[in-house]
Amino acid sequence: MTDERDVPRPATGQLLALAQACRPDWSIDQLRDVLAQARNEGMTWGRVLVVVAQMIADPMAQPPDLLAELPEPWRHRRRPPGPETYQRGAAAVRAALHHTDTD
């Protein structure tokens, strides 16, 4: 039985071969470099696979477009705001809506 963490398995050579067959207008060396950079930056193999497949289907896409899909590290380290943030925001909106100018 295969462990779920092992699926999908990286198959860079096969993905490059598919890209080469489907997109002869792409530089396979450039795609190889971009794939390596994306993986080094933390993109999962599953995400790489999906994005490259979408790029292959898009006649306007180029290999560097994969890098636009990199996860933004600050989004993963940032804590979600607490309920007090929403309460302060709602109070500020209410105050602005009911503001009476006495000048």
Protein backbone atom coordinates (compact mmCIF):
# COMPACT_ATOMS: atom_id res chain seq x y z
CA MET A 1 0.00 0.00 0.00
CA THR A 2 1.27 3.48 -0.87
CA ASP A 3 1.51 6.14 1.79
CA GLU A 4 -0.54 9.25 0.89
CA ARG A 5 2.52 11.43 1.49
CA ASP A 6 4.25 9.63 -1.39
CA VAL A 7 1.58 10.56 -3.94
CA PRO A 8 2.06 12.20 -6.34
CA ARG A 9 5.69 11.29 -6.74
CA PRO A 10 8.01 13.74 -8.46
CA ALA A 11 8.60 12.84 -12.09
CA THR A 12 10.60 15.77 -13.40
CA GLY A 13 12.04 13.92 -16.40
CA GLN A 14 8.60 12.83 -17.56
CA LEU A 15 7.15 16.31 -17.04
CA LEU A 16 9.96 17.83 -19.06
CA ALA A 17 9.40 15.27 -21.83
CA LEU A 18 5.68 16.10 -21.88
CA ALA A 19 6.41 19.82 -22.03
CA GLN A 20 8.91 19.29 -24.82
CA ALA A 21 6.40 17.27 -26.83
CA CYS A 22 3.50 19.67 -26.22
CA ARG A 23 5.34 22.99 -26.26
CA PRO A 24 8.23 22.92 -28.75
CA ASP A 25 8.29 26.73 -28.46
CA TRP A 26 9.60 26.48 -24.88
CA SER A 27 13.23 26.16 -23.88
CA ILE A 28 13.37 22.92 -21.90
CA ASP A 29 16.55 24.11 -20.17
CA GLN A 30 14.70 27.20 -18.98
CA LEU A 31 11.77 25.09 -17.78
CA ARG A 32 14.18 22.76 -15.93
CA ASP A 33 15.74 25.75 -14.17
CA VAL A 34 12.36 27.22 -13.27
CA LEU A 35 11.15 23.86 -11.93
CA ALA A 36 14.22 23.57 -9.74
CA GLN A 37 13.76 27.10 -8.44
CA ALA A 38 10.08 26.51 -7.68
CA ARG A 39 10.85 23.31 -5.79
CA ASN A 40 13.67 25.02 -3.85
CA GLU A 41 11.26 27.79 -2.89
CA GLY A 42 8.86 25.30 -1.32
CA MET A 43 6.32 24.59 -4.06
CA THR A 44 4.97 21.08 -3.68
CA TRP A 45 5.29 18.60 -6.52
CA GLY A 46 1.51 18.37 -6.80
CA ARG A 47 1.24 22.14 -7.24
CA VAL A 48 4.11 22.15 -9.78
CA LEU A 49 2.35 19.44 -11.75
CA VAL A 50 -0.97 21.30 -11.83
CA VAL A 51 0.54 24.66 -12.75
CA VAL A 52 2.79 23.26 -15.49
CA ALA A 53 -0.18 21.38 -16.98
CA GLN A 54 -2.18 24.62 -17.01
CA MET A 55 0.74 26.45 -18.59
CA ILE A 56 1.11 23.78 -21.29
CA ALA A 57 -2.56 24.32 -22.18
CA ASP A 58 -2.19 28.12 -22.30
CA PRO A 59 -0.71 29.20 -25.65
CA MET A 60 0.50 32.48 -24.10
CA ALA A 61 2.27 30.92 -21.09
CA GLN A 62 6.03 30.78 -20.73
CA PRO A 63 8.16 28.75 -18.27
CA PRO A 64 8.91 31.73 -15.95
CA ASP A 65 5.17 32.04 -15.31
CA LEU A 66 5.55 29.11 -12.91
CA LEU A 67 7.41 31.39 -10.50
CA ALA A 68 4.35 33.64 -10.20
CA GLU A 69 2.64 30.70 -8.49
CA LEU A 70 5.20 30.42 -5.69
CA PRO A 71 3.68 30.55 -2.22
CA GLU A 72 4.25 33.83 -0.47
CA PRO A 73 6.17 33.02 2.74
CA TRP A 74 4.70 35.91 4.69
CA ARG A 75 1.21 34.46 4.23
CA HIS A 76 2.24 31.28 6.02
CA ARG A 77 3.96 32.98 8.97
CA ARG A 78 1.32 35.60 9.61
CA ARG A 79 -1.15 34.94 12.39
CA PRO A 80 -4.82 35.55 11.64
CA PRO A 81 -6.21 38.61 13.41
CA GLY A 82 -8.07 38.02 16.65
CA PRO A 83 -11.73 38.81 17.25
CA GLU A 84 -10.83 42.13 18.88
CA THR A 85 -9.58 43.37 15.51
CA TYR A 86 -13.00 42.80 13.96
CA GLN A 87 -14.74 44.41 16.93
CA ARG A 88 -12.56 47.53 16.68
CA GLY A 89 -13.17 47.68 12.93
CA ALA A 90 -16.93 47.38 13.36
CA ALA A 91 -16.90 50.07 16.06
CA ALA A 92 -14.94 52.41 13.80
CA VAL A 93 -17.42 51.86 10.95
CA ARG A 94 -20.39 52.50 13.24
CA ALA A 95 -18.76 55.66 14.54
CA ALA A 96 -18.07 56.88 11.01
CA LEU A 97 -21.64 56.18 9.90
CA HIS A 98 -23.16 57.99 12.86
CA HIS A 99 -20.69 60.85 12.90
CA THR A 100 -22.33 64.24 13.26
CA ASP A 101 -20.30 67.27 12.32
CA THR A 102 -20.85 70.00 14.98
CA ASP A 103 -18.70 72.67 13.33
